[in-house]
PDB file of N, CA and C in Angstrom:
ATOM      1  N   MET A   1      25.220  -3.715   0.752  1.00  0.00           N
ATOM      2  CA  MET A   1      24.129  -2.881   1.227  1.00  0.00           C
ATOM      3  C   MET A   1      22.854  -3.210   0.451  1.00  0.00           C
ATOM      4  N   PRO A   2      21.726  -3.138   1.146  1.00  0.00           N
ATOM      5  CA  PRO A   2      20.449  -3.423   0.474  1.00  0.00           C
ATOM      6  C   PRO A   2      20.071  -2.351  -0.535  1.00  0.00           C
ATOM      7  N   LEU A   3      19.284  -2.756  -1.492  1.00  0.00           N
ATOM      8  CA  LEU A   3      18.784  -1.869  -2.527  1.00  0.00           C
ATOM      9  C   LEU A   3      17.291  -1.680  -2.283  1.00  0.00           C
ATOM     10  N   TYR A   4      16.868  -0.459  -2.009  1.00  0.00           N
ATOM     11  CA  TYR A   4      15.466  -0.159  -1.714  1.00  0.00           C
ATOM     12  C   TYR A   4      14.801   0.493  -2.917  1.00  0.00           C
ATOM     13  N   GLU A   5      13.516   0.177  -3.104  1.00  0.00           N
ATOM     14  CA  GLU A   5      12.737   0.763  -4.190  1.00  0.00           C
ATOM     15  C   GLU A   5      11.844   1.870  -3.636  1.00  0.00           C
ATOM     16  N   TYR A   6      11.783   2.973  -4.369  1.00  0.00           N
ATOM     17  CA  TYR A   6      10.945   4.111  -3.990  1.00  0.00           C
ATOM     18  C   TYR A   6      10.073   4.501  -5.175  1.00  0.00           C
ATOM     19  N   ARG A   7       8.965   5.183  -4.879  1.00  0.00           N
ATOM     20  CA  ARG A   7       8.081   5.679  -5.934  1.00  0.00           C
ATOM     21  C   ARG A   7       7.825   7.167  -5.711  1.00  0.00           C
ATOM     22  N   CYS A   8       8.108   7.941  -6.766  1.00  0.00           N
ATOM     23  CA  CYS A   8       7.813   9.369  -6.798  1.00  0.00           C
ATOM     24  C   CYS A   8       6.648   9.563  -7.764  1.00  0.00           C
ATOM     25  N   GLU A   9       5.675  10.370  -7.377  1.00  0.00           N
ATOM     26  CA  GLU A   9       4.510  10.576  -8.252  1.00  0.00           C
ATOM     27  C   GLU A   9       4.889  11.270  -9.553  1.00  0.00           C
ATOM     28  N   LYS A  10       5.905  12.098  -9.507  1.00  0.00           N
ATOM     29  CA  LYS A  10       6.305  12.848 -10.706  1.00  0.00           C
ATOM     30  C   LYS A  10       7.325  12.075 -11.556  1.00  0.00           C
ATOM     31  N   CYS A  11       8.346  11.499 -10.918  1.00  0.00           N
ATOM     32  CA  CYS A  11       9.446  10.847 -11.654  1.00  0.00           C
ATOM     33  C   CYS A  11       9.233   9.350 -11.874  1.00  0.00           C
ATOM     34  N   GLY A  12       8.394   8.718 -11.083  1.00  0.00           N
ATOM     35  CA  GLY A  12       8.187   7.270 -11.203  1.00  0.00           C
ATOM     36  C   GLY A  12       9.011   6.503 -10.178  1.00  0.00           C
ATOM     37  N   ASP A  13       9.270   5.222 -10.486  1.00  0.00           N
ATOM     38  CA  ASP A  13      10.008   4.350  -9.568  1.00  0.00           C
ATOM     39  C   ASP A  13      11.512   4.525  -9.752  1.00  0.00           C
ATOM     40  N   PHE A  14      12.237   4.387  -8.628  1.00  0.00           N
ATOM     41  CA  PHE A  14      13.696   4.397  -8.677  1.00  0.00           C
ATOM     42  C   PHE A  14      14.220   3.573  -7.514  1.00  0.00           C
ATOM     43  N   GLU A  15      15.489   3.198  -7.594  1.00  0.00           N
ATOM     44  CA  GLU A  15      16.134   2.401  -6.566  1.00  0.00           C
ATOM     45  C   GLU A  15      17.238   3.205  -5.910  1.00  0.00           C
ATOM     46  N   LYS A  16      17.458   2.917  -4.631  1.00  0.00           N
ATOM     47  CA  LYS A  16      18.502   3.612  -3.878  1.00  0.00           C
ATOM     48  C   LYS A  16      19.197   2.607  -2.978  1.00  0.00           C
ATOM     49  N   GLU A  17      20.511   2.523  -3.063  1.00  0.00           N
ATOM     50  CA  GLU A  17      21.288   1.644  -2.196  1.00  0.00           C
ATOM     51  C   GLU A  17      21.541   2.373  -0.885  1.00  0.00           C
ATOM     52  N   GLN A  18      21.085   1.764   0.222  1.00  0.00           N
ATOM     53  CA  GLN A  18      21.215   2.385   1.538  1.00  0.00           C
ATOM     54  C   GLN A  18      21.589   1.342   2.576  1.00  0.00           C
ATOM     55  N   ALA A  19      22.242   1.793   3.631  1.00  0.00           N
ATOM     56  CA  ALA A  19      22.521   0.916   4.767  1.00  0.00           C
ATOM     57  C   ALA A  19      21.215   0.639   5.504  1.00  0.00           C
ATOM     58  N   ILE A  20      21.145  -0.491   6.190  1.00  0.00           N
ATOM     59  CA  ILE A  20      19.933  -0.852   6.921  1.00  0.00           C
ATOM     60  C   ILE A  20      19.638   0.176   8.010  1.00  0.00           C
ATOM     61  N   THR A  21      20.669   0.763   8.575  1.00  0.00           N
ATOM     62  CA  THR A  21      20.499   1.722   9.674  1.00  0.00           C
ATOM     63  C   THR A  21      20.066   3.107   9.202  1.00  0.00           C
ATOM     64  N   GLU A  22      20.150   3.378   7.896  1.00  0.00           N
ATOM     65  CA  GLU A  22      19.749   4.691   7.374  1.00  0.00           C
ATOM     66  C   GLU A  22      18.230   4.844   7.379  1.00  0.00           C
ATOM     67  N   ALA A  23      17.775   6.061   7.612  1.00  0.00           N
ATOM     68  CA  ALA A  23      16.341   6.363   7.555  1.00  0.00           C
ATOM     69  C   ALA A  23      15.884   6.338   6.093  1.00  0.00           C
ATOM     70  N   PRO A  24      14.621   5.938   5.853  1.00  0.00           N
ATOM     71  CA  PRO A  24      14.117   5.941   4.474  1.00  0.00           C
ATOM     72  C   PRO A  24      14.091   7.360   3.896  1.00  0.00           C
ATOM     73  N   LEU A  25      14.224   7.441   2.577  1.00  0.00           N
ATOM     74  CA  LEU A  25      14.155   8.744   1.921  1.00  0.00           C
ATOM     75  C   LEU A  25      12.759   9.334   2.092  1.00  0.00           C
ATOM     76  N   GLU A  26      12.688  10.636   2.228  1.00  0.00           N
ATOM     77  CA  GLU A  26      11.401  11.314   2.338  1.00  0.00           C
ATOM     78  C   GLU A  26      11.084  12.138   1.100  1.00  0.00           C
ATOM     79  N   SER A  27      12.141  12.489   0.342  1.00  0.00           N
ATOM     80  CA  SER A  27      11.925  13.286  -0.870  1.00  0.00           C
ATOM     81  C   SER A  27      12.753  12.716  -2.018  1.00  0.00           C
ATOM     82  N   CYS A  28      12.256  12.947  -3.218  1.00  0.00           N
ATOM     83  CA  CYS A  28      12.911  12.463  -4.426  1.00  0.00           C
ATOM     84  C   CYS A  28      14.227  13.227  -4.636  1.00  0.00           C
ATOM     85  N   PRO A  29      15.317  12.506  -4.909  1.00  0.00           N
ATOM     86  CA  PRO A  29      16.589  13.200  -5.146  1.00  0.00           C
ATOM     87  C   PRO A  29      16.601  14.007  -6.443  1.00  0.00           C
ATOM     88  N   THR A  30      15.696  13.720  -7.378  1.00  0.00           N
ATOM     89  CA  THR A  30      15.647  14.417  -8.657  1.00  0.00           C
ATOM     90  C   THR A  30      14.796  15.685  -8.581  1.00  0.00           C
ATOM     91  N   CYS A  31      13.539  15.545  -8.098  1.00  0.00           N
ATOM     92  CA  CYS A  31      12.618  16.677  -8.143  1.00  0.00           C
ATOM     93  C   CYS A  31      12.244  17.234  -6.770  1.00  0.00           C
ATOM     94  N   GLY A  32      12.506  16.491  -5.698  1.00  0.00           N
ATOM     95  CA  GLY A  32      12.206  16.982  -4.357  1.00  0.00           C
ATOM     96  C   GLY A  32      10.800  16.659  -3.862  1.00  0.00           C
ATOM     97  N   ASN A  33       9.965  16.016  -4.678  1.00  0.00           N
ATOM     98  CA  ASN A  33       8.619  15.627  -4.251  1.00  0.00           C
ATOM     99  C   ASN A  33       8.688  14.501  -3.219  1.00  0.00           C
ATOM    100  N   PRO A  34       7.641  14.330  -2.415  1.00  0.00           N
ATOM    101  CA  PRO A  34       7.626  13.227  -1.442  1.00  0.00           C
ATOM    102  C   PRO A  34       7.639  11.867  -2.145  1.00  0.00           C
ATOM    103  N   VAL A  35       8.267  10.891  -1.498  1.00  0.00           N
ATOM    104  CA  VAL A  35       8.350   9.543  -2.048  1.00  0.00           C
ATOM    105  C   VAL A  35       7.831   8.527  -1.029  1.00  0.00           C
ATOM    106  N   LYS A  36       7.458   7.348  -1.538  1.00  0.00           N
ATOM    107  CA  LYS A  36       7.062   6.226  -0.692  1.00  0.00           C
ATOM    108  C   LYS A  36       8.018   5.082  -0.959  1.00  0.00           C
ATOM    109  N   ARG A  37       8.444   4.404   0.110  1.00  0.00           N
ATOM    110  CA  ARG A  37       9.291   3.230  -0.070  1.00  0.00           C
ATOM    111  C   ARG A  37       8.381   2.040  -0.357  1.00  0.00           C
ATOM    112  N   LEU A  38       8.729   1.273  -1.386  1.00  0.00           N
ATOM    113  CA  LEU A  38       7.933   0.122  -1.815  1.00  0.00           C
ATOM    114  C   LEU A  38       8.447  -1.153  -1.149  1.00  0.00           C
ATOM    115  N   ILE A  39       7.566  -2.105  -0.993  1.00  0.00           N
ATOM    116  CA  ILE A  39       7.959  -3.415  -0.491  1.00  0.00           C
ATOM    117  C   ILE A  39       8.354  -4.245  -1.704  1.00  0.00           C
ATOM    118  N   SER A  40       9.572  -4.724  -1.714  1.00  0.00           N
ATOM    119  CA  SER A  40      10.085  -5.480  -2.857  1.00  0.00           C
ATOM    120  C   SER A  40       9.456  -6.854  -2.913  1.00  0.00           C
ATOM    121  N   ARG A  41       9.201  -7.308  -4.122  1.00  0.00           N
ATOM    122  CA  ARG A  41       8.630  -8.632  -4.324  1.00  0.00           C
ATOM    123  C   ARG A  41       9.710  -9.687  -4.444  1.00  0.00           C
ATOM    124  N   ASN A  42      10.782  -9.383  -5.129  1.00  0.00           N
ATOM    125  CA  ASN A  42      11.849 -10.353  -5.354  1.00  0.00           C
ATOM    126  C   ASN A  42      13.076  -9.956  -4.557  1.00  0.00           C
ATOM    127  N   VAL A  43      13.529 -10.865  -3.748  1.00  0.00           N
ATOM    128  CA  VAL A  43      14.718 -10.620  -2.953  1.00  0.00           C
ATOM    129  C   VAL A  43      15.837 -11.459  -3.537  1.00  0.00           C
ATOM    130  N   GLY A  44      16.954 -10.838  -3.817  1.00  0.00           N
ATOM    131  CA  GLY A  44      18.087 -11.556  -4.388  1.00  0.00           C
ATOM    132  C   GLY A  44      18.861 -12.293  -3.318  1.00  0.00           C
ATOM    133  N   LEU A  45      18.460 -13.520  -3.020  1.00  0.00           N
ATOM    134  CA  LEU A  45      19.110 -14.335  -2.013  1.00  0.00           C
ATOM    135  C   LEU A  45      20.051 -15.290  -2.716  1.00  0.00           C
ATOM    136  N   VAL A  46      21.333 -15.228  -2.358  1.00  0.00           N
ATOM    137  CA  VAL A  46      22.339 -16.036  -3.034  1.00  0.00           C
ATOM    138  C   VAL A  46      23.066 -16.886  -2.003  1.00  0.00           C
ATOM    139  N   PHE A  47      23.089 -18.205  -2.230  1.00  0.00           N
ATOM    140  CA  PHE A  47      23.864 -19.105  -1.394  1.00  0.00           C
ATOM    141  C   PHE A  47      25.153 -19.400  -2.119  1.00  0.00           C
ATOM    142  N   LYS A  48      26.275 -19.058  -1.503  1.00  0.00           N
ATOM    143  CA  LYS A  48      27.567 -19.300  -2.124  1.00  0.00           C
ATOM    144  C   LYS A  48      28.248 -20.451  -1.402  1.00  0.00           C
ATOM    145  N   GLY A  49      28.938 -21.262  -2.140  1.00  0.00           N
ATOM    146  CA  GLY A  49      29.653 -22.381  -1.545  1.00  0.00           C
ATOM    147  C   GLY A  49      29.479 -23.637  -2.369  1.00  0.00           C
ATOM    148  N   SER A  50      29.869 -24.749  -1.776  1.00  0.00           N
ATOM    149  CA  SER A  50      29.862 -26.004  -2.524  1.00  0.00           C
ATOM    150  C   SER A  50      28.580 -26.797  -2.327  1.00  0.00           C
ATOM    151  N   GLY A  51      27.532 -26.186  -1.865  1.00  0.00           N
ATOM    152  CA  GLY A  51      26.258 -26.879  -1.750  1.00  0.00           C
ATOM    153  C   GLY A  51      25.886 -27.128  -0.311  1.00  0.00           C
ATOM    154  N   PHE A  52      25.213 -26.216   0.318  1.00  0.00           N
ATOM    155  CA  PHE A  52      24.876 -26.344   1.737  1.00  0.00           C
ATOM    156  C   PHE A  52      23.903 -27.481   1.979  1.00  0.00           C
ATOM    157  N   HIS A  53      22.982 -27.731   1.062  1.00  0.00           N
ATOM    158  CA  HIS A  53      21.975 -28.772   1.279  1.00  0.00           C
ATOM    159  C   HIS A  53      22.609 -30.156   1.335  1.00  0.00           C
ATOM    160  N   ILE A  54      23.481 -30.423   0.430  1.00  0.00           N
ATOM    161  CA  ILE A  54      24.105 -31.748   0.366  1.00  0.00           C
ATOM    162  C   ILE A  54      24.997 -31.969   1.582  1.00  0.00           C
ATOM    163  N   THR A  55      25.739 -30.953   1.974  1.00  0.00           N
ATOM    164  CA  THR A  55      26.690 -31.135   3.069  1.00  0.00           C
ATOM    165  C   THR A  55      26.046 -31.023   4.446  1.00  0.00           C
ATOM    166  N   ASP A  56      24.934 -30.337   4.579  1.00  0.00           N
ATOM    167  CA  ASP A  56      24.362 -30.095   5.895  1.00  0.00           C
ATOM    168  C   ASP A  56      23.141 -30.938   6.229  1.00  0.00           C
ATOM    169  N   TYR A  57      22.360 -31.347   5.257  1.00  0.00           N
ATOM    170  CA  TYR A  57      21.077 -31.945   5.567  1.00  0.00           C
ATOM    171  C   TYR A  57      20.886 -33.381   5.097  1.00  0.00           C
ATOM    172  N   VAL A  58      21.819 -33.943   4.410  1.00  0.00           N
ATOM    173  CA  VAL A  58      21.670 -35.291   3.893  1.00  0.00           C
ATOM    174  C   VAL A  58      22.710 -36.172   4.564  1.00  0.00           C
ATOM    175  N   TYR A  59      22.314 -37.399   4.922  1.00  0.00           N
ATOM    176  CA  TYR A  59      23.269 -38.334   5.525  1.00  0.00           C
ATOM    177  C   TYR A  59      24.369 -38.666   4.533  1.00  0.00           C
ATOM    178  N   LYS A  60      25.566 -38.865   5.042  1.00  0.00           N
ATOM    179  CA  LYS A  60      26.695 -39.196   4.164  1.00  0.00           C
ATOM    180  C   LYS A  60      26.470 -40.546   3.483  1.00  0.00           C
ATOM    181  N   ASN A  61      26.082 -41.559   4.272  1.00  0.00           N
ATOM    182  CA  ASN A  61      25.804 -42.890   3.722  1.00  0.00           C
ATOM    183  C   ASN A  61      24.345 -43.198   4.010  1.00  0.00           C
ATOM    184  N   SER A  62      23.504 -42.960   3.054  1.00  0.00           N
ATOM    185  CA  SER A  62      22.076 -43.133   3.279  1.00  0.00           C
ATOM    186  C   SER A  62      21.712 -44.591   3.526  1.00  0.00           C
ATOM    187  N   SER A  63      22.449 -45.557   2.974  1.00  0.00           N
ATOM    188  CA  SER A  63      22.135 -46.966   3.184  1.00  0.00           C
ATOM    189  C   SER A  63      22.415 -47.368   4.629  1.00  0.00           C
ATOM    190  N   GLU A  64      23.463 -46.828   5.235  1.00  0.00           N
ATOM    191  CA  GLU A  64      23.761 -47.118   6.637  1.00  0.00           C
ATOM    192  C   GLU A  64      22.689 -46.532   7.551  1.00  0.00           C
ATOM    193  N   SER A  65      22.263 -45.316   7.269  1.00  0.00           N
ATOM    194  CA  SER A  65      21.284 -44.658   8.143  1.00  0.00           C
ATOM    195  C   SER A  65      19.927 -45.350   8.066  1.00  0.00           C
ATOM    196  N   THR A  66      19.552 -45.867   6.903  1.00  0.00           N
ATOM    197  CA  THR A  66      18.263 -46.546   6.787  1.00  0.00           C
ATOM    198  C   THR A  66      18.299 -47.895   7.470  1.00  0.00           C
ATOM    199  N   SER A  67      19.428 -48.611   7.422  1.00  0.00           N
ATOM    200  CA  SER A  67      19.519 -49.900   8.094  1.00  0.00           C
ATOM    201  C   SER A  67      19.523 -49.709   9.607  1.00  0.00           C
ATOM    202  N   GLU A  68      20.131 -48.620  10.099  1.00  0.00           N
ATOM    203  CA  GLU A  68      20.095 -48.328  11.535  1.00  0.00           C
ATOM    204  C   GLU A  68      18.684 -48.026  11.982  1.00  0.00           C
ATOM    205  N   ASN A  69      17.935 -47.277  11.193  1.00  0.00           N
ATOM    206  CA  ASN A  69      16.557 -46.941  11.533  1.00  0.00           C
ATOM    207  C   ASN A  69      15.674 -48.181  11.574  1.00  0.00           C
ATOM    208  N   LYS A  70      15.890 -49.123  10.641  1.00  0.00           N
ATOM    209  CA  LYS A  70      15.092 -50.343  10.606  1.00  0.00           C
ATOM    210  C   LYS A  70      15.365 -51.210  11.824  1.00  0.00           C
ATOM    211  N   SER A  71      16.639 -51.353  12.208  1.00  0.00           N
ATOM    212  CA  SER A  71      16.979 -52.205  13.350  1.00  0.00           C
ATOM    213  C   SER A  71      16.454 -51.595  14.659  1.00  0.00           C
ATOM    214  N   SER A  72      16.466 -50.296  14.788  1.00  0.00           N
ATOM    215  CA  SER A  72      15.953 -49.668  16.004  1.00  0.00           C
ATOM    216  C   SER A  72      14.436 -49.726  16.060  1.00  0.00           C
ATOM    217  N   SER A  73      13.753 -49.721  14.932  1.00  0.00           N
ATOM    218  CA  SER A  73      12.295 -49.796  14.922  1.00  0.00           C
ATOM    219  C   SER A  73      11.808 -51.223  15.161  1.00  0.00           C
ATOM    220  N   ASP A  74      12.660 -52.247  14.902  1.00  0.00           N
ATOM    221  CA  ASP A  74      12.281 -53.633  15.111  1.00  0.00           C
ATOM    222  C   ASP A  74      12.198 -53.965  16.588  1.00  0.00           C
ATOM    223  N   ASN A  75      12.925 -53.263  17.423  1.00  0.00           N
ATOM    224  CA  ASN A  75      12.957 -53.544  18.871  1.00  0.00           C
ATOM    225  C   ASN A  75      11.713 -53.176  19.569  1.00  0.00           C
TER     226      ASN A  75
END
């Protein structure tokens, strides 16, 4: 679940883990004052696995692919 940041004028900033489908908080859980949801600057994006860039975007044999490109451009 995503972690959202909120700001209360009395208590300061705090974070709340909520489902994407949940409505944003309207009041502080500590004091009950109105809160504003902040736009996060840093998003924790994690790629798990054995390396998506190497396996998905790079030719397996770069020397073969370059020689094929040269022969097709000569025609």
